[in-house]
Amino acid sequence: MLRKSALLFGLLAGIIVFAYTMIVMLVIGDFGSATPEELQTAEALGWLRYIILLLGVLMGMRALRKETTGQLGYGKVLAAGIGVSLVTAFFIGLMEFTYVQFMNPDFYEQYIQIAEKQFTNPDDLKAFREQVEMFPKWATTGWGTGVFYFIETFIIGLLMSLLAAIFFRKPGKMSAQASH
């Protein structure tokens, strides 16, 4: 069961990422006519979602620490971070699914066309096209994209949580006998 703080901060981070990404997509406009520079900008702005995820994890752990009196073990703090990561990953997966499935079903074809414009060396272009051909077709569907980004976000959130939990735990007080 998710703790209230994990659910709250996961929902906040997920909703913020969903809204932020939709706004970026609306600002870029017609993705099919984007330039390679606009594509690079969109990709760079996409990394902000992981900063938002990190902030959600940290805020969820901090809230748990504040509401807990006495000892707070690594496992409970880690569980809060994992909870935030799961909820946030759900929203990111949903957002990616929604975009590719409904808003821009031609996204991958457009992405490839824009990316190909970056290559001036014919050998690099050929290598890029070979990589594209190896990509499984299911992965370019709305469902495949949603699942991929859910898993990717969860793994990144898990790694963040594993590290951050070290700093948010509260060790118990040593007894008088144990300190001698």
Foldseek 3Di string as FASTA:
>chain_A
DADPLLLVLLVVLLVVLLVVLVVLDVVQPDLLPHALVSVVVSVVVNCVSLVSLLVSLLRSLQVVLVVDPFFFDLVNSLSSLLSSLLSNLQSVLVSQLCCCAPVNVCVVVSVLVNVLVVDPDPVVSVVVVVVVVPDDPVCSHSNNVSVVSSVVSSVSSSVSSNVVSVVRTGHHDDDPVVVD
